[in-house]
All heavy atoms as atom14 arrays in JSON, in Angstrom:
{
  "sequence": "GDSANYVDSVKGRFTIFRDNAKNLVCLQMNSLKPEDTAVYYCNAYFR",
  "atom14_mask": [
    [1, 1, 1, 1, 0, 0, 0, 0, 0, 0, 0, 0, 0, 0],
    [1, 1, 1, 1, 1, 1, 1, 1, 0, 0, 0, 0, 0, 0],
    [1, 1, 1, 1, 1, 1, 0, 0, 0, 0, 0, 0, 0, 0],
    [1, 1, 1, 1, 1, 0, 0, 0, 0, 0, 0, 0, 0, 0],
    [1, 1, 1, 1, 1, 1, 1, 1, 0, 0, 0, 0, 0, 0],
    [1, 1, 1, 1, 1, 1, 1, 1, 1, 1, 1, 1, 0, 0],
    [1, 1, 1, 1, 1, 1, 1, 0, 0, 0, 0, 0, 0, 0],
    [1, 1, 1, 1, 1, 1, 1, 1, 0, 0, 0, 0, 0, 0],
    [1, 1, 1, 1, 1, 1, 0, 0, 0, 0, 0, 0, 0, 0],
    [1, 1, 1, 1, 1, 1, 1, 0, 0, 0, 0, 0, 0, 0],
    [1, 1, 1, 1, 1, 1, 1, 1, 1, 0, 0, 0, 0, 0],
    [1, 1, 1, 1, 0, 0, 0, 0, 0, 0, 0, 0, 0, 0],
    [1, 1, 1, 1, 1, 1, 1, 1, 1, 1, 1, 0, 0, 0],
    [1, 1, 1, 1, 1, 1, 1, 1, 1, 1, 1, 0, 0, 0],
    [1, 1, 1, 1, 1, 1, 1, 0, 0, 0, 0, 0, 0, 0],
    [1, 1, 1, 1, 1, 1, 1, 1, 0, 0, 0, 0, 0, 0],
    [1, 1, 1, 1, 1, 1, 1, 1, 1, 1, 1, 0, 0, 0],
    [1, 1, 1, 1, 1, 1, 1, 1, 1, 1, 1, 0, 0, 0],
    [1, 1, 1, 1, 1, 1, 1, 1, 0, 0, 0, 0, 0, 0],
    [1, 1, 1, 1, 1, 1, 1, 1, 0, 0, 0, 0, 0, 0],
    [1, 1, 1, 1, 1, 0, 0, 0, 0, 0, 0, 0, 0, 0],
    [1, 1, 1, 1, 1, 1, 1, 1, 1, 0, 0, 0, 0, 0],
    [1, 1, 1, 1, 1, 1, 1, 1, 0, 0, 0, 0, 0, 0],
    [1, 1, 1, 1, 1, 1, 1, 1, 0, 0, 0, 0, 0, 0],
    [1, 1, 1, 1, 1, 1, 1, 0, 0, 0, 0, 0, 0, 0],
    [1, 1, 1, 1, 1, 1, 0, 0, 0, 0, 0, 0, 0, 0],
    [1, 1, 1, 1, 1, 1, 1, 1, 0, 0, 0, 0, 0, 0],
    [1, 1, 1, 1, 1, 1, 1, 1, 1, 0, 0, 0, 0, 0],
    [1, 1, 1, 1, 1, 1, 1, 1, 0, 0, 0, 0, 0, 0],
    [1, 1, 1, 1, 1, 1, 1, 1, 0, 0, 0, 0, 0, 0],
    [1, 1, 1, 1, 1, 1, 0, 0, 0, 0, 0, 0, 0, 0],
    [1, 1, 1, 1, 1, 1, 1, 1, 0, 0, 0, 0, 0, 0],
    [1, 1, 1, 1, 1, 1, 1, 1, 1, 0, 0, 0, 0, 0],
    [1, 1, 1, 1, 1, 1, 1, 0, 0, 0, 0, 0, 0, 0],
    [1, 1, 1, 1, 1, 1, 1, 1, 1, 0, 0, 0, 0, 0],
    [1, 1, 1, 1, 1, 1, 1, 1, 0, 0, 0, 0, 0, 0],
    [1, 1, 1, 1, 1, 1, 1, 0, 0, 0, 0, 0, 0, 0],
    [1, 1, 1, 1, 1, 0, 0, 0, 0, 0, 0, 0, 0, 0],
    [1, 1, 1, 1, 1, 1, 1, 0, 0, 0, 0, 0, 0, 0],
    [1, 1, 1, 1, 1, 1, 1, 1, 1, 1, 1, 1, 0, 0],
    [1, 1, 1, 1, 1, 1, 1, 1, 1, 1, 1, 1, 0, 0],
    [1, 1, 1, 1, 1, 1, 0, 0, 0, 0, 0, 0, 0, 0],
    [1, 1, 1, 1, 1, 1, 1, 1, 0, 0, 0, 0, 0, 0],
    [1, 1, 1, 1, 1, 0, 0, 0, 0, 0, 0, 0, 0, 0],
    [1, 1, 1, 1, 1, 1, 1, 1, 1, 1, 1, 1, 0, 0],
    [1, 1, 1, 1, 1, 1, 1, 1, 1, 1, 1, 0, 0, 0],
    [1, 1, 1, 1, 1, 1, 1, 1, 1, 1, 1, 0, 0, 0]
  ],
  "atom14_positions": [
    [[-146.47, 71.27, 134.85], [-147.13, 70.31, 135.72], [-146.75, 70.4, 137.18], [-147.18, 69.57, 137.98], [0.0, 0.0, 0.0], [0.0, 0.0, 0.0], [0.0, 0.0, 0.0], [0.0, 0.0, 0.0], [0.0, 0.0, 0.0], [0.0, 0.0, 0.0], [0.0, 0.0, 0.0], [0.0, 0.0, 0.0], [0.0, 0.0, 0.0], [0.0, 0.0, 0.0]],
    [[-145.99, 71.42, 137.56], [-145.5, 71.47, 138.93], [-146.4, 72.26, 139.87], [-146.12, 72.33, 141.08], [-144.07, 72.02, 139.0], [-143.95, 73.41, 138.41], [-144.97, 73.94, 137.91], [-142.85, 73.98, 138.44], [0.0, 0.0, 0.0], [0.0, 0.0, 0.0], [0.0, 0.0, 0.0], [0.0, 0.0, 0.0], [0.0, 0.0, 0.0], [0.0, 0.0, 0.0]],
    [[-147.46, 72.83, 139.35], [-148.42, 73.49, 140.23], [-149.82, 73.35, 139.68], [-150.02, 73.31, 138.47], [-148.07, 74.96, 140.41], [-148.2, 75.66, 139.21], [0.0, 0.0, 0.0], [0.0, 0.0, 0.0], [0.0, 0.0, 0.0], [0.0, 0.0, 0.0], [0.0, 0.0, 0.0], [0.0, 0.0, 0.0], [0.0, 0.0, 0.0], [0.0, 0.0, 0.0]],
    [[-150.77, 73.28, 140.59], [-152.17, 73.1, 140.21], [-153.05, 73.89, 141.16], [-152.68, 74.15, 142.32], [-152.54, 71.63, 140.24], [0.0, 0.0, 0.0], [0.0, 0.0, 0.0], [0.0, 0.0, 0.0], [0.0, 0.0, 0.0], [0.0, 0.0, 0.0], [0.0, 0.0, 0.0], [0.0, 0.0, 0.0], [0.0, 0.0, 0.0], [0.0, 0.0, 0.0]],
    [[-154.2, 74.27, 140.66], [-155.18, 74.99, 141.47], [-156.56, 74.37, 141.27], [-156.85, 73.86, 140.19], [-155.22, 76.47, 141.07], [-153.93, 77.18, 141.4], [-153.63, 77.45, 142.55], [-153.14, 77.47, 140.38], [0.0, 0.0, 0.0], [0.0, 0.0, 0.0], [0.0, 0.0, 0.0], [0.0, 0.0, 0.0], [0.0, 0.0, 0.0], [0.0, 0.0, 0.0]],
    [[-157.38, 74.47, 142.31], [-158.7, 73.85, 142.27], [-159.74, 74.8, 142.84], [-159.46, 75.59, 143.75], [-158.71, 72.58, 143.12], [-157.71, 71.54, 142.68], [-156.41, 71.53, 143.18], [-158.08, 70.56, 141.76], [-155.5, 70.58, 142.77], [-157.16, 69.59, 141.34], [-155.88, 69.62, 141.85], [-154.98, 68.68, 141.44], [0.0, 0.0, 0.0], [0.0, 0.0, 0.0]],
    [[-160.95, 74.69, 142.32], [-162.06, 75.37, 142.95], [-162.32, 74.72, 144.3], [-162.1, 73.5, 144.47], [-163.31, 75.33, 142.03], [-163.84, 73.92, 141.89], [-164.37, 76.27, 142.52], [0.0, 0.0, 0.0], [0.0, 0.0, 0.0], [0.0, 0.0, 0.0], [0.0, 0.0, 0.0], [0.0, 0.0, 0.0], [0.0, 0.0, 0.0], [0.0, 0.0, 0.0]],
    [[-162.75, 75.5, 145.26], [-162.89, 74.99, 146.62], [-163.77, 73.74, 146.71], [-163.52, 72.83, 147.51], [-163.46, 76.07, 147.55], [-162.44, 77.13, 147.9], [-161.24, 76.92, 147.65], [-162.85, 78.19, 148.43], [0.0, 0.0, 0.0], [0.0, 0.0, 0.0], [0.0, 0.0, 0.0], [0.0, 0.0, 0.0], [0.0, 0.0, 0.0], [0.0, 0.0, 0.0]],
    [[-164.8, 73.68, 145.89], [-165.77, 72.59, 145.99], [-165.2, 71.23, 145.61], [-165.83, 70.21, 145.92], [-166.99, 72.9, 145.13], [-166.63, 73.05, 143.78], [0.0, 0.0, 0.0], [0.0, 0.0, 0.0], [0.0, 0.0, 0.0], [0.0, 0.0, 0.0], [0.0, 0.0, 0.0], [0.0, 0.0, 0.0], [0.0, 0.0, 0.0], [0.0, 0.0, 0.0]],
    [[-164.05, 71.19, 144.95], [-163.48, 69.9, 144.55], [-162.15, 69.6, 145.23], [-161.59, 68.52, 145.04], [-163.3, 69.81, 143.02], [-164.6, 70.16, 142.3], [-162.14, 70.65, 142.52], [0.0, 0.0, 0.0], [0.0, 0.0, 0.0], [0.0, 0.0, 0.0], [0.0, 0.0, 0.0], [0.0, 0.0, 0.0], [0.0, 0.0, 0.0], [0.0, 0.0, 0.0]],
    [[-161.65, 70.53, 146.04], [-160.37, 70.3, 146.71], [-160.42, 69.05, 147.58], [-161.37, 68.84, 148.32], [-160.0, 71.52, 147.56], [-159.51, 72.71, 146.75], [-159.15, 73.88, 147.65], [-158.66, 75.06, 146.82], [-158.38, 76.25, 147.67], [0.0, 0.0, 0.0], [0.0, 0.0, 0.0], [0.0, 0.0, 0.0], [0.0, 0.0, 0.0], [0.0, 0.0, 0.0]],
    [[-159.39, 68.23, 147.45], [-159.33, 66.99, 148.2], [-160.04, 65.83, 147.54], [-159.9, 64.69, 147.98], [0.0, 0.0, 0.0], [0.0, 0.0, 0.0], [0.0, 0.0, 0.0], [0.0, 0.0, 0.0], [0.0, 0.0, 0.0], [0.0, 0.0, 0.0], [0.0, 0.0, 0.0], [0.0, 0.0, 0.0], [0.0, 0.0, 0.0], [0.0, 0.0, 0.0]],
    [[-160.8, 66.1, 146.48], [-161.53, 65.04, 145.77], [-161.03, 64.86, 144.34], [-161.02, 63.74, 143.83], [-163.02, 65.35, 145.75], [-163.66, 65.45, 147.12], [-165.19, 65.55, 147.01], [-165.64, 66.74, 146.29], [-166.39, 66.69, 145.19], [-166.77, 65.53, 144.68], [-166.78, 67.82, 144.59], [0.0, 0.0, 0.0], [0.0, 0.0, 0.0], [0.0, 0.0, 0.0]],
    [[-160.67, 65.95, 143.71], [-160.22, 65.92, 142.31], [-158.73, 66.18, 142.24], [-158.17, 66.96, 143.02], [-160.94, 66.99, 141.49], [-162.4, 66.77, 141.25], [-163.12, 65.79, 141.92], [-163.07, 67.56, 140.32], [-164.48, 65.61, 141.69], [-164.41, 67.39, 140.07], [-165.12, 66.42, 140.76], [0.0, 0.0, 0.0], [0.0, 0.0, 0.0], [0.0, 0.0, 0.0]],
    [[-158.09, 65.56, 141.25], [-156.67, 65.79, 140.98], [-156.46, 65.96, 139.49], [-156.89, 65.11, 138.7], [-155.81, 64.62, 141.48], [-156.03, 64.42, 142.88], [-154.33, 64.9, 141.26], [0.0, 0.0, 0.0], [0.0, 0.0, 0.0], [0.0, 0.0, 0.0], [0.0, 0.0, 0.0], [0.0, 0.0, 0.0], [0.0, 0.0, 0.0], [0.0, 0.0, 0.0]],
    [[-155.8, 67.04, 139.11], [-155.44, 67.27, 137.72], [-153.98, 66.91, 137.53], [-153.14, 67.21, 138.38], [-155.73, 68.73, 137.3], [-155.52, 68.92, 135.8], [-154.89, 69.72, 138.12], [-155.99, 70.28, 135.28], [0.0, 0.0, 0.0], [0.0, 0.0, 0.0], [0.0, 0.0, 0.0], [0.0, 0.0, 0.0], [0.0, 0.0, 0.0], [0.0, 0.0, 0.0]],
    [[-153.68, 66.24, 136.43], [-152.29, 65.93, 136.13], [-152.12, 65.87, 134.61], [-153.1, 65.73, 133.87], [-151.83, 64.62, 136.8], [-152.64, 63.4, 136.47], [-152.23, 62.53, 135.47], [-153.81, 63.12, 137.16], [-152.96, 61.4, 135.17], [-154.56, 61.99, 136.86], [-154.13, 61.13, 135.88], [0.0, 0.0, 0.0], [0.0, 0.0, 0.0], [0.0, 0.0, 0.0]],
    [[-150.87, 65.97, 134.18], [-150.6, 66.01, 132.74], [-149.36, 65.19, 132.42], [-148.48, 65.0, 133.28], [-150.44, 67.45, 132.27], [-149.22, 68.17, 132.82], [-149.27, 69.67, 132.49], [-149.14, 69.93, 131.06], [-149.48, 71.07, 130.47], [-149.96, 72.08, 131.21], [-149.33, 71.24, 129.17], [0.0, 0.0, 0.0], [0.0, 0.0, 0.0], [0.0, 0.0, 0.0]],
    [[-149.31, 64.77, 131.17], [-148.14, 64.07, 130.64], [-147.75, 64.8, 129.36], [-148.39, 64.61, 128.32], [-148.48, 62.61, 130.37], [-147.26, 61.8, 129.93], [-146.29, 62.39, 129.42], [-147.29, 60.58, 130.08], [0.0, 0.0, 0.0], [0.0, 0.0, 0.0], [0.0, 0.0, 0.0], [0.0, 0.0, 0.0], [0.0, 0.0, 0.0], [0.0, 0.0, 0.0]],
    [[-146.72, 65.62, 129.43], [-146.33, 66.42, 128.27], [-145.74, 65.58, 127.15], [-145.75, 66.0, 126.0], [-145.36, 67.53, 128.69], [-146.06, 68.68, 129.39], [-147.29, 68.74, 129.45], [-145.28, 69.6, 129.95], [0.0, 0.0, 0.0], [0.0, 0.0, 0.0], [0.0, 0.0, 0.0], [0.0, 0.0, 0.0], [0.0, 0.0, 0.0], [0.0, 0.0, 0.0]],
    [[-145.24, 64.42, 127.49], [-144.71, 63.53, 126.45], [-145.82, 62.92, 125.61], [-145.62, 62.58, 124.44], [-143.87, 62.43, 127.09], [0.0, 0.0, 0.0], [0.0, 0.0, 0.0], [0.0, 0.0, 0.0], [0.0, 0.0, 0.0], [0.0, 0.0, 0.0], [0.0, 0.0, 0.0], [0.0, 0.0, 0.0], [0.0, 0.0, 0.0], [0.0, 0.0, 0.0]],
    [[-147.01, 62.8, 126.22], [-148.15, 62.2, 125.53], [-149.2, 63.21, 125.12], [-150.24, 62.84, 124.56], [-148.78, 61.13, 126.41], [-147.87, 59.95, 126.72], [-148.58, 58.93, 127.58], [-147.68, 57.73, 127.86], [-148.35, 56.72, 128.72], [0.0, 0.0, 0.0], [0.0, 0.0, 0.0], [0.0, 0.0, 0.0], [0.0, 0.0, 0.0], [0.0, 0.0, 0.0]],
    [[-148.94, 64.5, 125.42], [-149.93, 65.56, 125.11], [-151.28, 65.22, 125.73], [-152.33, 65.29, 125.07], [-150.07, 65.76, 123.6], [-148.89, 66.46, 122.99], [-147.9, 66.73, 123.66], [-148.97, 66.76, 121.71], [0.0, 0.0, 0.0], [0.0, 0.0, 0.0], [0.0, 0.0, 0.0], [0.0, 0.0, 0.0], [0.0, 0.0, 0.0], [0.0, 0.0, 0.0]],
    [[-151.24, 64.9, 127.01], [-152.43, 64.41, 127.69], [-152.6, 65.13, 129.02], [-151.63, 65.32, 129.75], [-152.32, 62.92, 127.92], [-153.53, 62.16, 128.43], [-154.61, 62.12, 127.34], [-153.13, 60.75, 128.82], [0.0, 0.0, 0.0], [0.0, 0.0, 0.0], [0.0, 0.0, 0.0], [0.0, 0.0, 0.0], [0.0, 0.0, 0.0], [0.0, 0.0, 0.0]],
    [[-153.83, 65.52, 129.33], [-154.16, 66.05, 130.65], [-155.38, 65.29, 131.16], [-156.29, 64.98, 130.39], [-154.41, 67.57, 130.62], [-155.56, 67.95, 129.71], [-154.61, 68.12, 132.03], [0.0, 0.0, 0.0], [0.0, 0.0, 0.0], [0.0, 0.0, 0.0], [0.0, 0.0, 0.0], [0.0, 0.0, 0.0], [0.0, 0.0, 0.0], [0.0, 0.0, 0.0]],
    [[-155.35, 64.97, 132.43], [-156.41, 64.16, 133.03], [-156.97, 64.83, 134.28], [-156.29, 65.65, 134.91], [-155.88, 62.78, 133.39], [-155.32, 61.81, 132.0], [0.0, 0.0, 0.0], [0.0, 0.0, 0.0], [0.0, 0.0, 0.0], [0.0, 0.0, 0.0], [0.0, 0.0, 0.0], [0.0, 0.0, 0.0], [0.0, 0.0, 0.0], [0.0, 0.0, 0.0]],
    [[-158.17, 64.45, 134.6], [-158.8, 64.89, 135.83], [-159.33, 63.64, 136.54], [-160.28, 63.01, 136.06], [-159.94, 65.88, 135.56], [-160.59, 66.48, 136.8], [-159.6, 67.43, 137.5], [-161.86, 67.24, 136.41], [0.0, 0.0, 0.0], [0.0, 0.0, 0.0], [0.0, 0.0, 0.0], [0.0, 0.0, 0.0], [0.0, 0.0, 0.0], [0.0, 0.0, 0.0]],
    [[-158.69, 63.31, 137.65], [-159.15, 62.19, 138.47], [-160.18, 62.73, 139.45], [-159.87, 63.64, 140.23], [-157.97, 61.55, 139.21], [-158.37, 60.42, 140.13], [-158.92, 59.22, 139.37], [-158.39, 58.85, 138.33], [-159.98, 58.62, 139.9], [0.0, 0.0, 0.0], [0.0, 0.0, 0.0], [0.0, 0.0, 0.0], [0.0, 0.0, 0.0], [0.0, 0.0, 0.0]],
    [[-161.37, 62.17, 139.41], [-162.46, 62.65, 140.24], [-162.91, 61.54, 141.18], [-163.37, 60.49, 140.72], [-163.64, 63.11, 139.37], [-163.24, 64.13, 138.31], [-164.65, 64.82, 137.43], [-165.25, 63.37, 136.59], [0.0, 0.0, 0.0], [0.0, 0.0, 0.0], [0.0, 0.0, 0.0], [0.0, 0.0, 0.0], [0.0, 0.0, 0.0], [0.0, 0.0, 0.0]],
    [[-162.74, 61.74, 142.46], [-163.14, 60.77, 143.48], [-164.25, 61.35, 144.34], [-164.5, 62.56, 144.35], [-161.94, 60.42, 144.35], [-160.82, 59.78, 143.57], [-161.04, 59.07, 142.58], [-159.58, 60.02, 143.99], [0.0, 0.0, 0.0], [0.0, 0.0, 0.0], [0.0, 0.0, 0.0], [0.0, 0.0, 0.0], [0.0, 0.0, 0.0], [0.0, 0.0, 0.0]],
    [[-164.9, 60.48, 145.07], [-165.97, 60.89, 145.99], [-166.97, 61.82, 145.28], [-167.32, 62.88, 145.8], [-165.37, 61.59, 147.22], [-164.46, 60.75, 147.88], [0.0, 0.0, 0.0], [0.0, 0.0, 0.0], [0.0, 0.0, 0.0], [0.0, 0.0, 0.0], [0.0, 0.0, 0.0], [0.0, 0.0, 0.0], [0.0, 0.0, 0.0], [0.0, 0.0, 0.0]],
    [[-167.4, 61.41, 144.14], [-168.28, 62.26, 143.33], [-169.62, 62.51, 144.02], [-170.15, 61.63, 144.72], [-168.5, 61.63, 141.96], [-167.3, 61.81, 141.01], [-167.38, 60.8, 139.86], [-167.28, 63.23, 140.46], [0.0, 0.0, 0.0], [0.0, 0.0, 0.0], [0.0, 0.0, 0.0], [0.0, 0.0, 0.0], [0.0, 0.0, 0.0], [0.0, 0.0, 0.0]],
    [[-170.12, 63.72, 143.81], [-171.38, 64.16, 144.4], [-172.37, 64.52, 143.29], [-171.93, 64.87, 142.18], [-171.15, 65.38, 145.29], [-170.13, 65.17, 146.39], [-169.89, 66.47, 147.15], [-168.86, 66.28, 148.26], [-168.62, 67.54, 149.02], [0.0, 0.0, 0.0], [0.0, 0.0, 0.0], [0.0, 0.0, 0.0], [0.0, 0.0, 0.0], [0.0, 0.0, 0.0]],
    [[-173.65, 64.5, 143.57], [-174.63, 64.9, 142.54], [-174.34, 66.3, 141.98], [-174.57, 66.54, 140.79], [-175.95, 64.85, 143.3], [-175.74, 63.79, 144.33], [-174.32, 63.96, 144.77], [0.0, 0.0, 0.0], [0.0, 0.0, 0.0], [0.0, 0.0, 0.0], [0.0, 0.0, 0.0], [0.0, 0.0, 0.0], [0.0, 0.0, 0.0], [0.0, 0.0, 0.0]],
    [[-173.82, 67.18, 142.8], [-173.53, 68.54, 142.33], [-172.33, 68.61, 141.39], [-172.04, 69.68, 140.84], [-173.33, 69.51, 143.51], [-172.34, 69.02, 144.54], [-173.03, 68.34, 145.72], [-173.97, 67.54, 145.5], [-172.59, 68.59, 146.87], [0.0, 0.0, 0.0], [0.0, 0.0, 0.0], [0.0, 0.0, 0.0], [0.0, 0.0, 0.0], [0.0, 0.0, 0.0]],
    [[-171.63, 67.5, 141.2], [-170.56, 67.45, 140.2], [-171.11, 67.17, 138.8], [-170.35, 67.2, 137.82], [-169.54, 66.37, 140.56], [-168.8, 66.65, 141.85], [-168.43, 67.84, 142.07], [-168.6, 65.71, 142.64], [0.0, 0.0, 0.0], [0.0, 0.0, 0.0], [0.0, 0.0, 0.0], [0.0, 0.0, 0.0], [0.0, 0.0, 0.0], [0.0, 0.0, 0.0]],
    [[-172.38, 66.88, 138.7], [-173.0, 66.63, 137.4], [-172.87, 67.84, 136.5], [-173.26, 68.96, 136.88], [-174.48, 66.28, 137.58], [-174.58, 65.04, 138.29], [-175.19, 66.16, 136.24], [0.0, 0.0, 0.0], [0.0, 0.0, 0.0], [0.0, 0.0, 0.0], [0.0, 0.0, 0.0], [0.0, 0.0, 0.0], [0.0, 0.0, 0.0], [0.0, 0.0, 0.0]],
    [[-172.29, 67.65, 135.33], [-172.04, 68.75, 134.4], [-171.4, 68.19, 133.14], [-170.98, 67.03, 133.1], [-171.11, 69.79, 135.03], [0.0, 0.0, 0.0], [0.0, 0.0, 0.0], [0.0, 0.0, 0.0], [0.0, 0.0, 0.0], [0.0, 0.0, 0.0], [0.0, 0.0, 0.0], [0.0, 0.0, 0.0], [0.0, 0.0, 0.0], [0.0, 0.0, 0.0]],
    [[-171.31, 69.05, 132.15], [-170.44, 68.78, 131.0], [-169.08, 69.35, 131.34], [-168.98, 70.52, 131.74], [-171.0, 69.39, 129.71], [-170.03, 69.12, 128.56], [-172.38, 68.83, 129.4], [0.0, 0.0, 0.0], [0.0, 0.0, 0.0], [0.0, 0.0, 0.0], [0.0, 0.0, 0.0], [0.0, 0.0, 0.0], [0.0, 0.0, 0.0], [0.0, 0.0, 0.0]],
    [[-168.06, 68.53, 131.21], [-166.69, 68.92, 131.54], [-165.92, 69.21, 130.25], [-165.93, 68.4, 129.32], [-166.0, 67.83, 132.35], [-166.47, 67.79, 133.78], [-167.75, 67.33, 134.11], [-165.65, 68.23, 134.82], [-168.2, 67.33, 135.42], [-166.09, 68.21, 136.14], [-167.36, 67.76, 136.43], [-167.8, 67.75, 137.74], [0.0, 0.0, 0.0], [0.0, 0.0, 0.0]],
    [[-165.26, 70.36, 130.26], [-164.52, 70.82, 129.08], [-163.03, 70.96, 129.39], [-162.64, 71.49, 130.44], [-165.05, 72.19, 128.63], [-166.48, 72.2, 128.19], [-167.5, 72.47, 129.09], [-166.81, 71.96, 126.86], [-168.82, 72.49, 128.68], [-168.14, 71.98, 126.45], [-169.12, 72.25, 127.37], [-170.44, 72.26, 126.96], [0.0, 0.0, 0.0], [0.0, 0.0, 0.0]],
    [[-162.24, 70.55, 128.43], [-160.8, 70.73, 128.5], [-160.46, 72.08, 127.86], [-161.03, 72.45, 126.83], [-160.13, 69.59, 127.74], [-158.34, 69.63, 127.67], [0.0, 0.0, 0.0], [0.0, 0.0, 0.0], [0.0, 0.0, 0.0], [0.0, 0.0, 0.0], [0.0, 0.0, 0.0], [0.0, 0.0, 0.0], [0.0, 0.0, 0.0], [0.0, 0.0, 0.0]],
    [[-159.51, 72.78, 128.45], [-159.12, 74.1, 127.94], [-157.61, 74.21, 127.92], [-156.93, 73.77, 128.85], [-159.72, 75.19, 128.82], [-159.18, 76.58, 128.48], [-158.2, 77.03, 129.05], [-159.83, 77.23, 127.54], [0.0, 0.0, 0.0], [0.0, 0.0, 0.0], [0.0, 0.0, 0.0], [0.0, 0.0, 0.0], [0.0, 0.0, 0.0], [0.0, 0.0, 0.0]],
    [[-157.1, 74.82, 126.86], [-155.67, 75.1, 126.74], [-155.49, 76.59, 126.57], [-156.16, 77.21, 125.73], [-155.08, 74.36, 125.55], [0.0, 0.0, 0.0], [0.0, 0.0, 0.0], [0.0, 0.0, 0.0], [0.0, 0.0, 0.0], [0.0, 0.0, 0.0], [0.0, 0.0, 0.0], [0.0, 0.0, 0.0], [0.0, 0.0, 0.0], [0.0, 0.0, 0.0]],
    [[-154.6, 77.18, 127.36], [-154.42, 78.63, 127.28], [-152.94, 78.97, 127.3], [-152.2, 78.54, 128.17], [-155.12, 79.33, 128.45], [-154.86, 80.82, 128.44], [-155.5, 81.64, 127.51], [-153.94, 81.4, 129.3], [-155.23, 83.0, 127.46], [-153.67, 82.76, 129.26], [-154.33, 83.55, 128.34], [-154.05, 84.88, 128.28], [0.0, 0.0, 0.0], [0.0, 0.0, 0.0]],
    [[-152.54, 79.76, 126.3], [-151.22, 80.39, 126.28], [-151.37, 81.68, 125.49], [-151.91, 82.66, 126.02], [-150.18, 79.44, 125.69], [-148.78, 79.99, 125.62], [-148.27, 80.77, 126.66], [-147.97, 79.73, 124.53], [-146.97, 81.29, 126.6], [-146.68, 80.24, 124.47], [-146.17, 81.02, 125.49], [0.0, 0.0, 0.0], [0.0, 0.0, 0.0], [0.0, 0.0, 0.0]],
    [[-150.98, 81.67, 124.25], [-151.25, 82.84, 123.41], [-152.67, 82.8, 122.87], [-153.26, 83.83, 122.58], [-150.25, 82.91, 122.27], [-148.82, 83.16, 122.72], [-147.92, 83.44, 121.52], [-146.56, 83.77, 121.95], [-145.59, 82.89, 122.04], [-145.81, 81.63, 121.73], [-144.39, 83.25, 122.43], [0.0, 0.0, 0.0], [0.0, 0.0, 0.0], [0.0, 0.0, 0.0]]
  ]
}
């Protein structure tokens, strides 16, 4: 949880954060625009 990256179109508006104790990841989305309309998917990647 100590580093995060964003696509340019959401920088400054969206924030990703996680709670490893709760097995939870969130995406806070502010100043939403019509172009943010989409289906949003959570992804986990390691092995």
